[in-house]
Amino acid sequence: MDFSSLLDFFKNFETGKVFQQLQDLKLGELIHNPWFLGTIAVIAVIAMIMRWRVLLALVLSVTGFVALISYTLDQETQVQRLNDASILVFVGGFVCLLILVIYLLFIKGE
């Protein structure tokens, strides 16, 4: 990888293009898919029973983050308006997920 390809990567890494790529992934369909939710629930229950806290934290954080992204993109959030309610929900949800992961990984004991 040379320097020019690295510059091209960062030129294409703009906020508008990232949001467009996230919308093209159709995360909203994934989070409402019963097979996806069932699989995630089974993995989470197995992780809780086997006391695999890292796997449980990973599953909950990824699923929660996908749900937050789906909600934010469904609301057609504008990046220019930082006091938008959906941005506040996204930030608050992300903070809650971060606290949950920190609790599961570092605070909760056996």
PDB file of N, CA and C in Angstrom:
ATOM      1  N   MET A   1       0.851  -1.175   0.000  1.00  0.00           N
ATOM      2  CA  MET A   1       0.000   0.000   0.000  1.00  0.00           C
ATOM      3  C   MET A   1       0.895   1.236   0.000  1.00  0.00           C
ATOM      4  N   ASP A   2       0.763   2.032  -1.024  1.00  0.00           N
ATOM      5  CA  ASP A   2       1.577   3.220  -1.104  1.00  0.00           C
ATOM      6  C   ASP A   2       0.812   4.428  -0.567  1.00  0.00           C
ATOM      7  N   PHE A   3       1.489   5.545  -0.535  1.00  0.00           N
ATOM      8  CA  PHE A   3       0.937   6.750   0.074  1.00  0.00           C
ATOM      9  C   PHE A   3      -0.245   7.298  -0.709  1.00  0.00           C
ATOM     10  N   SER A   4      -0.252   7.182  -2.028  1.00  0.00           N
ATOM     11  CA  SER A   4      -1.349   7.731  -2.834  1.00  0.00           C
ATOM     12  C   SER A   4      -2.644   6.950  -2.610  1.00  0.00           C
ATOM     13  N   SER A   5      -2.549   5.628  -2.455  1.00  0.00           N
ATOM     14  CA  SER A   5      -3.768   4.856  -2.184  1.00  0.00           C
ATOM     15  C   SER A   5      -4.307   5.162  -0.796  1.00  0.00           C
ATOM     16  N   LEU A   6      -3.417   5.462   0.149  1.00  0.00           N
ATOM     17  CA  LEU A   6      -3.852   5.862   1.485  1.00  0.00           C
ATOM     18  C   LEU A   6      -4.564   7.214   1.432  1.00  0.00           C
ATOM     19  N   LEU A   7      -4.053   8.132   0.638  1.00  0.00           N
ATOM     20  CA  LEU A   7      -4.718   9.433   0.467  1.00  0.00           C
ATOM     21  C   LEU A   7      -6.079   9.275  -0.200  1.00  0.00           C
ATOM     22  N   ASP A   8      -6.181   8.401  -1.193  1.00  0.00           N
ATOM     23  CA  ASP A   8      -7.466   8.150  -1.847  1.00  0.00           C
ATOM     24  C   ASP A   8      -8.483   7.578  -0.867  1.00  0.00           C
ATOM     25  N   PHE A   9      -8.025   6.687   0.019  1.00  0.00           N
ATOM     26  CA  PHE A   9      -8.925   6.111   1.022  1.00  0.00           C
ATOM     27  C   PHE A   9      -9.482   7.205   1.923  1.00  0.00           C
ATOM     28  N   PHE A  10      -8.621   8.108   2.395  1.00  0.00           N
ATOM     29  CA  PHE A  10      -9.092   9.160   3.291  1.00  0.00           C
ATOM     30  C   PHE A  10      -9.903  10.225   2.567  1.00  0.00           C
ATOM     31  N   LYS A  11      -9.695  10.411   1.275  1.00  0.00           N
ATOM     32  CA  LYS A  11     -10.538  11.331   0.515  1.00  0.00           C
ATOM     33  C   LYS A  11     -11.954  10.784   0.392  1.00  0.00           C
ATOM     34  N   ASN A  12     -12.089   9.472   0.270  1.00  0.00           N
ATOM     35  CA  ASN A  12     -13.413   8.854   0.170  1.00  0.00           C
ATOM     36  C   ASN A  12     -14.061   8.653   1.528  1.00  0.00           C
ATOM     37  N   PHE A  13     -13.340   8.891   2.601  1.00  0.00           N
ATOM     38  CA  PHE A  13     -13.846   8.683   3.943  1.00  0.00           C
ATOM     39  C   PHE A  13     -14.454   9.984   4.472  1.00  0.00           C
ATOM     40  N   GLU A  14     -15.516  10.439   3.824  1.00  0.00           N
ATOM     41  CA  GLU A  14     -16.227  11.645   4.229  1.00  0.00           C
ATOM     42  C   GLU A  14     -17.507  11.233   4.944  1.00  0.00           C
ATOM     43  N   THR A  15     -18.026  12.122   5.770  1.00  0.00           N
ATOM     44  CA  THR A  15     -19.206  11.803   6.574  1.00  0.00           C
ATOM     45  C   THR A  15     -20.404  11.471   5.697  1.00  0.00           C
ATOM     46  N   GLY A  16     -20.616  12.222   4.645  1.00  0.00           N
ATOM     47  CA  GLY A  16     -21.743  11.962   3.751  1.00  0.00           C
ATOM     48  C   GLY A  16     -21.653  10.598   3.084  1.00  0.00           C
ATOM     49  N   LYS A  17     -20.453  10.243   2.663  1.00  0.00           N
ATOM     50  CA  LYS A  17     -20.274   8.941   2.020  1.00  0.00           C
ATOM     51  C   LYS A  17     -20.421   7.794   3.016  1.00  0.00           C
ATOM     52  N   VAL A  18     -19.973   8.004   4.248  1.00  0.00           N
ATOM     53  CA  VAL A  18     -20.125   6.965   5.275  1.00  0.00           C
ATOM     54  C   VAL A  18     -21.603   6.746   5.571  1.00  0.00           C
ATOM     55  N   PHE A  19     -22.377   7.825   5.723  1.00  0.00           N
ATOM     56  CA  PHE A  19     -23.813   7.691   5.953  1.00  0.00           C
ATOM     57  C   PHE A  19     -24.500   7.001   4.771  1.00  0.00           C
ATOM     58  N   GLN A  20     -24.072   7.311   3.564  1.00  0.00           N
ATOM     59  CA  GLN A  20     -24.658   6.674   2.386  1.00  0.00           C
ATOM     60  C   GLN A  20     -24.354   5.182   2.363  1.00  0.00           C
ATOM     61  N   GLN A  21     -23.145   4.808   2.725  1.00  0.00           N
ATOM     62  CA  GLN A  21     -22.799   3.394   2.769  1.00  0.00           C
ATOM     63  C   GLN A  21     -23.588   2.665   3.856  1.00  0.00           C
ATOM     64  N   LEU A  22     -23.803   3.317   4.995  1.00  0.00           N
ATOM     65  CA  LEU A  22     -24.605   2.706   6.054  1.00  0.00           C
ATOM     66  C   LEU A  22     -26.056   2.541   5.628  1.00  0.00           C
ATOM     67  N   GLN A  23     -26.584   3.502   4.869  1.00  0.00           N
ATOM     68  CA  GLN A  23     -27.950   3.378   4.377  1.00  0.00           C
ATOM     69  C   GLN A  23     -28.053   2.277   3.328  1.00  0.00           C
ATOM     70  N   ASP A  24     -27.011   2.108   2.533  1.00  0.00           N
ATOM     71  CA  ASP A  24     -27.014   1.055   1.517  1.00  0.00           C
ATOM     72  C   ASP A  24     -26.950  -0.339   2.133  1.00  0.00           C
ATOM     73  N   LEU A  25     -26.403  -0.463   3.342  1.00  0.00           N
ATOM     74  CA  LEU A  25     -26.340  -1.757   4.012  1.00  0.00           C
ATOM     75  C   LEU A  25     -27.708  -2.248   4.491  1.00  0.00           C
ATOM     76  N   LYS A  26     -28.664  -1.340   4.600  1.00  0.00           N
ATOM     77  CA  LYS A  26     -30.025  -1.647   5.043  1.00  0.00           C
ATOM     78  C   LYS A  26     -30.007  -2.339   6.412  1.00  0.00           C
ATOM     79  N   LEU A  27     -29.400  -1.655   7.381  1.00  0.00           N
ATOM     80  CA  LEU A  27     -29.331  -2.196   8.732  1.00  0.00           C
ATOM     81  C   LEU A  27     -30.706  -2.275   9.382  1.00  0.00           C
ATOM     82  N   GLY A  28     -31.629  -1.441   8.941  1.00  0.00           N
ATOM     83  CA  GLY A  28     -32.979  -1.484   9.482  1.00  0.00           C
ATOM     84  C   GLY A  28     -33.662  -2.805   9.208  1.00  0.00           C
ATOM     85  N   GLU A  29     -33.416  -3.376   8.043  1.00  0.00           N
ATOM     86  CA  GLU A  29     -33.996  -4.684   7.730  1.00  0.00           C
ATOM     87  C   GLU A  29     -33.355  -5.773   8.575  1.00  0.00           C
ATOM     88  N   LEU A  30     -32.065  -5.638   8.868  1.00  0.00           N
ATOM     89  CA  LEU A  30     -31.373  -6.641   9.661  1.00  0.00           C
ATOM     90  C   LEU A  30     -31.883  -6.659  11.093  1.00  0.00           C
ATOM     91  N   ILE A  31     -32.090  -5.514  11.684  1.00  0.00           N
ATOM     92  CA  ILE A  31     -32.494  -5.459  13.085  1.00  0.00           C
ATOM     93  C   ILE A  31     -33.957  -5.873  13.263  1.00  0.00           C
ATOM     94  N   HIS A  32     -34.754  -5.863  12.207  1.00  0.00           N
ATOM     95  CA  HIS A  32     -36.152  -6.300  12.295  1.00  0.00           C
ATOM     96  C   HIS A  32     -36.345  -7.724  11.790  1.00  0.00           C
ATOM     97  N   ASN A  33     -35.276  -8.375  11.387  1.00  0.00           N
ATOM     98  CA  ASN A  33     -35.345  -9.746  10.896  1.00  0.00           C
ATOM     99  C   ASN A  33     -35.463 -10.702  12.085  1.00  0.00           C
ATOM    100  N   PRO A  34     -36.541 -11.520  12.156  1.00  0.00           N
ATOM    101  CA  PRO A  34     -36.699 -12.414  13.311  1.00  0.00           C
ATOM    102  C   PRO A  34     -35.608 -13.480  13.414  1.00  0.00           C
ATOM    103  N   TRP A  35     -35.051 -13.910  12.289  1.00  0.00           N
ATOM    104  CA  TRP A  35     -33.970 -14.897  12.338  1.00  0.00           C
ATOM    105  C   TRP A  35     -32.721 -14.300  12.973  1.00  0.00           C
ATOM    106  N   PHE A  36     -32.412 -13.067  12.633  1.00  0.00           N
ATOM    107  CA  PHE A  36     -31.263 -12.381  13.216  1.00  0.00           C
ATOM    108  C   PHE A  36     -31.460 -12.188  14.714  1.00  0.00           C
ATOM    109  N   LEU A  37     -32.639 -11.702  15.104  1.00  0.00           N
ATOM    110  CA  LEU A  37     -32.904 -11.461  16.517  1.00  0.00           C
ATOM    111  C   LEU A  37     -32.927 -12.756  17.318  1.00  0.00           C
ATOM    112  N   GLY A  38     -33.482 -13.819  16.735  1.00  0.00           N
ATOM    113  CA  GLY A  38     -33.497 -15.113  17.410  1.00  0.00           C
ATOM    114  C   GLY A  38     -32.101 -15.668  17.605  1.00  0.00           C
ATOM    115  N   THR A  39     -31.282 -15.549  16.577  1.00  0.00           N
ATOM    116  CA  THR A  39     -29.902 -16.028  16.678  1.00  0.00           C
ATOM    117  C   THR A  39     -29.128 -15.252  17.735  1.00  0.00           C
ATOM    118  N   ILE A  40     -29.312 -13.954  17.752  1.00  0.00           N
ATOM    119  CA  ILE A  40     -28.636 -13.119  18.746  1.00  0.00           C
ATOM    120  C   ILE A  40     -29.116 -13.481  20.151  1.00  0.00           C
ATOM    121  N   ALA A  41     -30.412 -13.712  20.314  1.00  0.00           N
ATOM    122  CA  ALA A  41     -30.943 -14.080  21.631  1.00  0.00           C
ATOM    123  C   ALA A  41     -30.382 -15.419  22.097  1.00  0.00           C
ATOM    124  N   VAL A  42     -30.307 -16.394  21.203  1.00  0.00           N
ATOM    125  CA  VAL A  42     -29.756 -17.707  21.568  1.00  0.00           C
ATOM    126  C   VAL A  42     -28.285 -17.572  21.956  1.00  0.00           C
ATOM    127  N   ILE A  43     -27.525 -16.819  21.190  1.00  0.00           N
ATOM    128  CA  ILE A  43     -26.107 -16.620  21.506  1.00  0.00           C
ATOM    129  C   ILE A  43     -25.952 -15.907  22.848  1.00  0.00           C
ATOM    130  N   ALA A  44     -26.808 -14.920  23.116  1.00  0.00           N
ATOM    131  CA  ALA A  44     -26.732 -14.194  24.385  1.00  0.00           C
ATOM    132  C   ALA A  44     -27.082 -15.094  25.563  1.00  0.00           C
ATOM    133  N   VAL A  45     -28.090 -15.939  25.413  1.00  0.00           N
ATOM    134  CA  VAL A  45     -28.470 -16.852  26.500  1.00  0.00           C
ATOM    135  C   VAL A  45     -27.360 -17.869  26.754  1.00  0.00           C
ATOM    136  N   ILE A  46     -26.786 -18.410  25.696  1.00  0.00           N
ATOM    137  CA  ILE A  46     -25.678 -19.355  25.859  1.00  0.00           C
ATOM    138  C   ILE A  46     -24.491 -18.674  26.543  1.00  0.00           C
ATOM    139  N   ALA A  47     -24.202 -17.449  26.158  1.00  0.00           N
ATOM    140  CA  ALA A  47     -23.093 -16.719  26.771  1.00  0.00           C
ATOM    141  C   ALA A  47     -23.370 -16.446  28.251  1.00  0.00           C
ATOM    142  N   MET A  48     -24.626 -16.166  28.598  1.00  0.00           N
ATOM    143  CA  MET A  48     -24.954 -15.946  30.009  1.00  0.00           C
ATOM    144  C   MET A  48     -24.844 -17.238  30.806  1.00  0.00           C
ATOM    145  N   ILE A  49     -25.324 -18.345  30.262  1.00  0.00           N
ATOM    146  CA  ILE A  49     -25.275 -19.620  30.969  1.00  0.00           C
ATOM    147  C   ILE A  49     -23.836 -20.087  31.164  1.00  0.00           C
ATOM    148  N   MET A  50     -23.038 -19.948  30.136  1.00  0.00           N
ATOM    149  CA  MET A  50     -21.639 -20.400  30.197  1.00  0.00           C
ATOM    150  C   MET A  50     -20.721 -19.360  30.855  1.00  0.00           C
ATOM    151  N   ARG A  51     -21.272 -18.220  31.197  1.00  0.00           N
ATOM    152  CA  ARG A  51     -20.538 -17.106  31.829  1.00  0.00           C
ATOM    153  C   ARG A  51     -19.392 -16.606  30.957  1.00  0.00           C
ATOM    154  N   TRP A  52     -19.667 -16.486  29.679  1.00  0.00           N
ATOM    155  CA  TRP A  52     -18.722 -15.912  28.740  1.00  0.00           C
ATOM    156  C   TRP A  52     -19.029 -14.417  28.626  1.00  0.00           C
ATOM    157  N   ARG A  53     -18.472 -13.631  29.520  1.00  0.00           N
ATOM    158  CA  ARG A  53     -18.804 -12.207  29.584  1.00  0.00           C
ATOM    159  C   ARG A  53     -18.327 -11.432  28.361  1.00  0.00           C
ATOM    160  N   VAL A  54     -17.205 -11.818  27.800  1.00  0.00           N
ATOM    161  CA  VAL A  54     -16.682 -11.101  26.626  1.00  0.00           C
ATOM    162  C   VAL A  54     -17.617 -11.299  25.438  1.00  0.00           C
ATOM    163  N   LEU A  55     -18.067 -12.542  25.228  1.00  0.00           N
ATOM    164  CA  LEU A  55     -18.994 -12.798  24.127  1.00  0.00           C
ATOM    165  C   LEU A  55     -20.326 -12.094  24.353  1.00  0.00           C
ATOM    166  N   LEU A  56     -20.817 -12.121  25.585  1.00  0.00           N
ATOM    167  CA  LEU A  56     -22.074 -11.438  25.897  1.00  0.00           C
ATOM    168  C   LEU A  56     -21.949  -9.936  25.663  1.00  0.00           C
ATOM    169  N   ALA A  57     -20.851  -9.343  26.111  1.00  0.00           N
ATOM    170  CA  ALA A  57     -20.634  -7.911  25.897  1.00  0.00           C
ATOM    171  C   ALA A  57     -20.539  -7.590  24.411  1.00  0.00           C
ATOM    172  N   LEU A  58     -19.868  -8.449  23.659  1.00  0.00           N
ATOM    173  CA  LEU A  58     -19.742  -8.231  22.215  1.00  0.00           C
ATOM    174  C   LEU A  58     -21.090  -8.315  21.518  1.00  0.00           C
ATOM    175  N   VAL A  59     -21.874  -9.339  21.848  1.00  0.00           N
ATOM    176  CA  VAL A  59     -23.177  -9.522  21.205  1.00  0.00           C
ATOM    177  C   VAL A  59     -24.111  -8.361  21.541  1.00  0.00           C
ATOM    178  N   LEU A  60     -24.168  -7.990  22.802  1.00  0.00           N
ATOM    179  CA  LEU A  60     -25.062  -6.895  23.198  1.00  0.00           C
ATOM    180  C   LEU A  60     -24.622  -5.561  22.614  1.00  0.00           C
ATOM    181  N   SER A  61     -23.331  -5.307  22.588  1.00  0.00           N
ATOM    182  CA  SER A  61     -22.868  -4.020  22.071  1.00  0.00           C
ATOM    183  C   SER A  61     -23.061  -3.912  20.558  1.00  0.00           C
ATOM    184  N   VAL A  62     -22.758  -4.972  19.826  1.00  0.00           N
ATOM    185  CA  VAL A  62     -22.923  -4.919  18.364  1.00  0.00           C
ATOM    186  C   VAL A  62     -24.404  -4.803  18.000  1.00  0.00           C
ATOM    187  N   THR A  63     -25.253  -5.599  18.656  1.00  0.00           N
ATOM    188  CA  THR A  63     -26.687  -5.531  18.363  1.00  0.00           C
ATOM    189  C   THR A  63     -27.259  -4.167  18.743  1.00  0.00           C
ATOM    190  N   GLY A  64     -26.869  -3.654  19.888  1.00  0.00           N
ATOM    191  CA  GLY A  64     -27.337  -2.330  20.298  1.00  0.00           C
ATOM    192  C   GLY A  64     -26.863  -1.234  19.366  1.00  0.00           C
ATOM    193  N   PHE A  65     -25.612  -1.333  18.924  1.00  0.00           N
ATOM    194  CA  PHE A  65     -25.086  -0.322  18.010  1.00  0.00           C
ATOM    195  C   PHE A  65     -25.793  -0.374  16.658  1.00  0.00           C
ATOM    196  N   VAL A  66     -26.081  -1.580  16.176  1.00  0.00           N
ATOM    197  CA  VAL A  66     -26.829  -1.717  14.918  1.00  0.00           C
ATOM    198  C   VAL A  66     -28.230  -1.114  15.080  1.00  0.00           C
ATOM    199  N   ALA A  67     -28.855  -1.351  16.225  1.00  0.00           N
ATOM    200  CA  ALA A  67     -30.185  -0.774  16.469  1.00  0.00           C
ATOM    201  C   ALA A  67     -30.119   0.751  16.534  1.00  0.00           C
ATOM    202  N   LEU A  68     -29.091   1.290  17.164  1.00  0.00           N
ATOM    203  CA  LEU A  68     -28.940   2.746  17.222  1.00  0.00           C
ATOM    204  C   LEU A  68     -28.713   3.346  15.840  1.00  0.00           C
ATOM    205  N   ILE A  69     -27.876   2.716  15.051  1.00  0.00           N
ATOM    206  CA  ILE A  69     -27.629   3.212  13.696  1.00  0.00           C
ATOM    207  C   ILE A  69     -28.907   3.133  12.865  1.00  0.00           C
ATOM    208  N   SER A  70     -29.637   2.029  13.000  1.00  0.00           N
ATOM    209  CA  SER A  70     -30.883   1.864  12.257  1.00  0.00           C
ATOM    210  C   SER A  70     -31.883   2.944  12.635  1.00  0.00           C
ATOM    211  N   TYR A  71     -32.021   3.201  13.926  1.00  0.00           N
ATOM    212  CA  TYR A  71     -32.950   4.237  14.383  1.00  0.00           C
ATOM    213  C   TYR A  71     -32.541   5.609  13.861  1.00  0.00           C
ATOM    214  N   THR A  72     -31.262   5.916  13.959  1.00  0.00           N
ATOM    215  CA  THR A  72     -30.777   7.226  13.536  1.00  0.00           C
ATOM    216  C   THR A  72     -30.966   7.431  12.035  1.00  0.00           C
ATOM    217  N   LEU A  73     -30.691   6.399  11.239  1.00  0.00           N
ATOM    218  CA  LEU A  73     -30.849   6.534   9.795  1.00  0.00           C
ATOM    219  C   LEU A  73     -32.318   6.563   9.388  1.00  0.00           C
ATOM    220  N   ASP A  74     -33.193   5.879  10.133  1.00  0.00           N
ATOM    221  CA  ASP A  74     -34.617   5.921   9.827  1.00  0.00           C
ATOM    222  C   ASP A  74     -35.215   7.302  10.078  1.00  0.00           C
ATOM    223  N   GLN A  75     -34.625   8.038  10.995  1.00  0.00           N
ATOM    224  CA  GLN A  75     -35.115   9.378  11.309  1.00  0.00           C
ATOM    225  C   GLN A  75     -34.613  10.432  10.334  1.00  0.00           C
ATOM    226  N   GLU A  76     -33.794  10.017   9.376  1.00  0.00           N
ATOM    227  CA  GLU A  76     -33.194  10.922   8.384  1.00  0.00           C
ATOM    228  C   GLU A  76     -32.490  12.096   9.068  1.00  0.00           C
ATOM    229  N   THR A  77     -31.558  11.747   9.918  1.00  0.00           N
ATOM    230  CA  THR A  77     -30.845  12.717  10.736  1.00  0.00           C
ATOM    231  C   THR A  77     -29.917  13.568   9.882  1.00  0.00           C
ATOM    232  N   GLN A  78     -29.910  14.845  10.152  1.00  0.00           N
ATOM    233  CA  GLN A  78     -29.007  15.776   9.490  1.00  0.00           C
ATOM    234  C   GLN A  78     -27.782  15.975  10.374  1.00  0.00           C
ATOM    235  N   VAL A  79     -26.599  15.825   9.817  1.00  0.00           N
ATOM    236  CA  VAL A  79     -25.377  15.984  10.598  1.00  0.00           C
ATOM    237  C   VAL A  79     -25.165  17.447  10.962  1.00  0.00           C
ATOM    238  N   GLN A  80     -25.689  18.359  10.166  1.00  0.00           N
ATOM    239  CA  GLN A  80     -25.479  19.770  10.422  1.00  0.00           C
ATOM    240  C   GLN A  80     -26.229  20.248  11.666  1.00  0.00           C
ATOM    241  N   ARG A  81     -27.319  19.585  12.018  1.00  0.00           N
ATOM    242  CA  ARG A  81     -28.097  20.002  13.189  1.00  0.00           C
ATOM    243  C   ARG A  81     -27.725  19.088  14.357  1.00  0.00           C
ATOM    244  N   LEU A  82     -26.827  19.531  15.201  1.00  0.00           N
ATOM    245  CA  LEU A  82     -26.354  18.695  16.289  1.00  0.00           C
ATOM    246  C   LEU A  82     -27.333  18.633  17.459  1.00  0.00           C
ATOM    247  N   ASN A  83     -28.324  19.519  17.507  1.00  0.00           N
ATOM    248  CA  ASN A  83     -29.298  19.469  18.590  1.00  0.00           C
ATOM    249  C   ASN A  83     -30.539  18.671  18.181  1.00  0.00           C
ATOM    250  N   ASP A  84     -30.435  17.889  17.129  1.00  0.00           N
ATOM    251  CA  ASP A  84     -31.530  17.040  16.669  1.00  0.00           C
ATOM    252  C   ASP A  84     -31.780  15.943  17.704  1.00  0.00           C
ATOM    253  N   ALA A  85     -33.052  15.591  17.920  1.00  0.00           N
ATOM    254  CA  ALA A  85     -33.403  14.611  18.952  1.00  0.00           C
ATOM    255  C   ALA A  85     -32.821  13.231  18.655  1.00  0.00           C
ATOM    256  N   SER A  86     -32.773  12.845  17.392  1.00  0.00           N
ATOM    257  CA  SER A  86     -32.241  11.520  17.075  1.00  0.00           C
ATOM    258  C   SER A  86     -30.740  11.440  17.315  1.00  0.00           C
ATOM    259  N   ILE A  87     -30.021  12.542  17.157  1.00  0.00           N
ATOM    260  CA  ILE A  87     -28.597  12.553  17.483  1.00  0.00           C
ATOM    261  C   ILE A  87     -28.416  12.391  18.988  1.00  0.00           C
ATOM    262  N   LEU A  88     -29.266  13.054  19.767  1.00  0.00           N
ATOM    263  CA  LEU A  88     -29.184  12.925  21.219  1.00  0.00           C
ATOM    264  C   LEU A  88     -29.511  11.502  21.663  1.00  0.00           C
ATOM    265  N   VAL A  89     -30.479  10.859  21.008  1.00  0.00           N
ATOM    266  CA  VAL A  89     -30.806   9.465  21.313  1.00  0.00           C
ATOM    267  C   VAL A  89     -29.619   8.565  20.958  1.00  0.00           C
ATOM    268  N   PHE A  90     -28.982   8.830  19.828  1.00  0.00           N
ATOM    269  CA  PHE A  90     -27.828   8.044  19.418  1.00  0.00           C
ATOM    270  C   PHE A  90     -26.690   8.175  20.428  1.00  0.00           C
ATOM    271  N   VAL A  91     -26.379   9.390  20.837  1.00  0.00           N
ATOM    272  CA  VAL A  91     -25.289   9.612  21.785  1.00  0.00           C
ATOM    273  C   VAL A  91     -25.632   9.003  23.142  1.00  0.00           C
ATOM    274  N   GLY A  92     -26.857   9.198  23.611  1.00  0.00           N
ATOM    275  CA  GLY A  92     -27.272   8.623  24.889  1.00  0.00           C
ATOM    276  C   GLY A  92     -27.269   7.105  24.860  1.00  0.00           C
ATOM    277  N   GLY A  93     -27.739   6.520  23.781  1.00  0.00           N
ATOM    278  CA  GLY A  93     -27.722   5.070  23.651  1.00  0.00           C
ATOM    279  C   GLY A  93     -26.313   4.526  23.585  1.00  0.00           C
ATOM    280  N   PHE A  94     -25.437   5.239  22.895  1.00  0.00           N
ATOM    281  CA  PHE A  94     -24.041   4.810  22.809  1.00  0.00           C
ATOM    282  C   PHE A  94     -23.377   4.860  24.181  1.00  0.00           C
ATOM    283  N   VAL A  95     -23.669   5.889  24.953  1.00  0.00           N
ATOM    284  CA  VAL A  95     -23.112   5.990  26.303  1.00  0.00           C
ATOM    285  C   VAL A  95     -23.630   4.848  27.174  1.00  0.00           C
ATOM    286  N   CYS A  96     -24.925   4.518  27.064  1.00  0.00           N
ATOM    287  CA  CYS A  96     -25.487   3.394  27.822  1.00  0.00           C
ATOM    288  C   CYS A  96     -24.837   2.073  27.421  1.00  0.00           C
ATOM    289  N   LEU A  97     -24.626   1.868  26.138  1.00  0.00           N
ATOM    290  CA  LEU A  97     -23.943   0.656  25.678  1.00  0.00           C
ATOM    291  C   LEU A  97     -22.512   0.598  26.201  1.00  0.00           C
ATOM    292  N   LEU A  98     -21.833   1.716  26.200  1.00  0.00           N
ATOM    293  CA  LEU A  98     -20.470   1.769  26.700  1.00  0.00           C
ATOM    294  C   LEU A  98     -20.418   1.441  28.185  1.00  0.00           C
ATOM    295  N   ILE A  99     -21.349   1.967  28.958  1.00  0.00           N
ATOM    296  CA  ILE A  99     -21.413   1.662  30.386  1.00  0.00           C
ATOM    297  C   ILE A  99     -21.705   0.184  30.601  1.00  0.00           C
ATOM    298  N   LEU A 100     -22.609  -0.397  29.800  1.00  0.00           N
ATOM    299  CA  LEU A 100     -22.923  -1.818  29.913  1.00  0.00           C
ATOM    300  C   LEU A 100     -21.698  -2.686  29.614  1.00  0.00           C
ATOM    301  N   VAL A 101     -20.967  -2.351  28.579  1.00  0.00           N
ATOM    302  CA  VAL A 101     -19.767  -3.124  28.220  1.00  0.00           C
ATOM    303  C   VAL A 101     -18.705  -2.994  29.303  1.00  0.00           C
ATOM    304  N   ILE A 102     -18.499  -1.803  29.821  1.00  0.00           N
ATOM    305  CA  ILE A 102     -17.523  -1.615  30.899  1.00  0.00           C
ATOM    306  C   ILE A 102     -17.935  -2.415  32.122  1.00  0.00           C
ATOM    307  N   TYR A 103     -19.224  -2.413  32.444  1.00  0.00           N
ATOM    308  CA  TYR A 103     -19.721  -3.196  33.585  1.00  0.00           C
ATOM    309  C   TYR A 103     -19.480  -4.686  33.378  1.00  0.00           C
ATOM    310  N   LEU A 104     -19.843  -5.189  32.200  1.00  0.00           N
ATOM    311  CA  LEU A 104     -19.701  -6.618  31.946  1.00  0.00           C
ATOM    312  C   LEU A 104     -18.252  -7.071  31.911  1.00  0.00           C
ATOM    313  N   LEU A 105     -17.373  -6.244  31.382  1.00  0.00           N
ATOM    314  CA  LEU A 105     -15.988  -6.658  31.218  1.00  0.00           C
ATOM    315  C   LEU A 105     -15.108  -6.400  32.431  1.00  0.00           C
ATOM    316  N   PHE A 106     -15.351  -5.306  33.141  1.00  0.00           N
ATOM    317  CA  PHE A 106     -14.413  -4.927  34.169  1.00  0.00           C
ATOM    318  C   PHE A 106     -14.964  -4.942  35.599  1.00  0.00           C
ATOM    319  N   ILE A 107     -16.245  -4.661  35.781  1.00  0.00           N
ATOM    320  CA  ILE A 107     -16.768  -4.500  37.123  1.00  0.00           C
ATOM    321  C   ILE A 107     -17.394  -5.795  37.645  1.00  0.00           C
ATOM    322  N   LYS A 108     -18.210  -6.436  36.838  1.00  0.00           N
ATOM    323  CA  LYS A 108     -18.922  -7.627  37.299  1.00  0.00           C
ATOM    324  C   LYS A 108     -17.936  -8.751  37.581  1.00  0.00           C
ATOM    325  N   GLY A 109     -18.048  -9.316  38.771  1.00  0.00           N
ATOM    326  CA  GLY A 109     -17.190 -10.440  39.146  1.00  0.00           C
ATOM    327  C   GLY A 109     -17.924 -11.754  38.990  1.00  0.00           C
ATOM    328  N   GLU A 110     -17.217 -12.802  39.166  1.00  0.00           N
ATOM    329  CA  GLU A 110     -17.825 -14.140  39.039  1.00  0.00           C
ATOM    330  C   GLU A 110     -18.722 -14.353  40.191  1.00  0.00           C
TER     331      GLU A 110
END
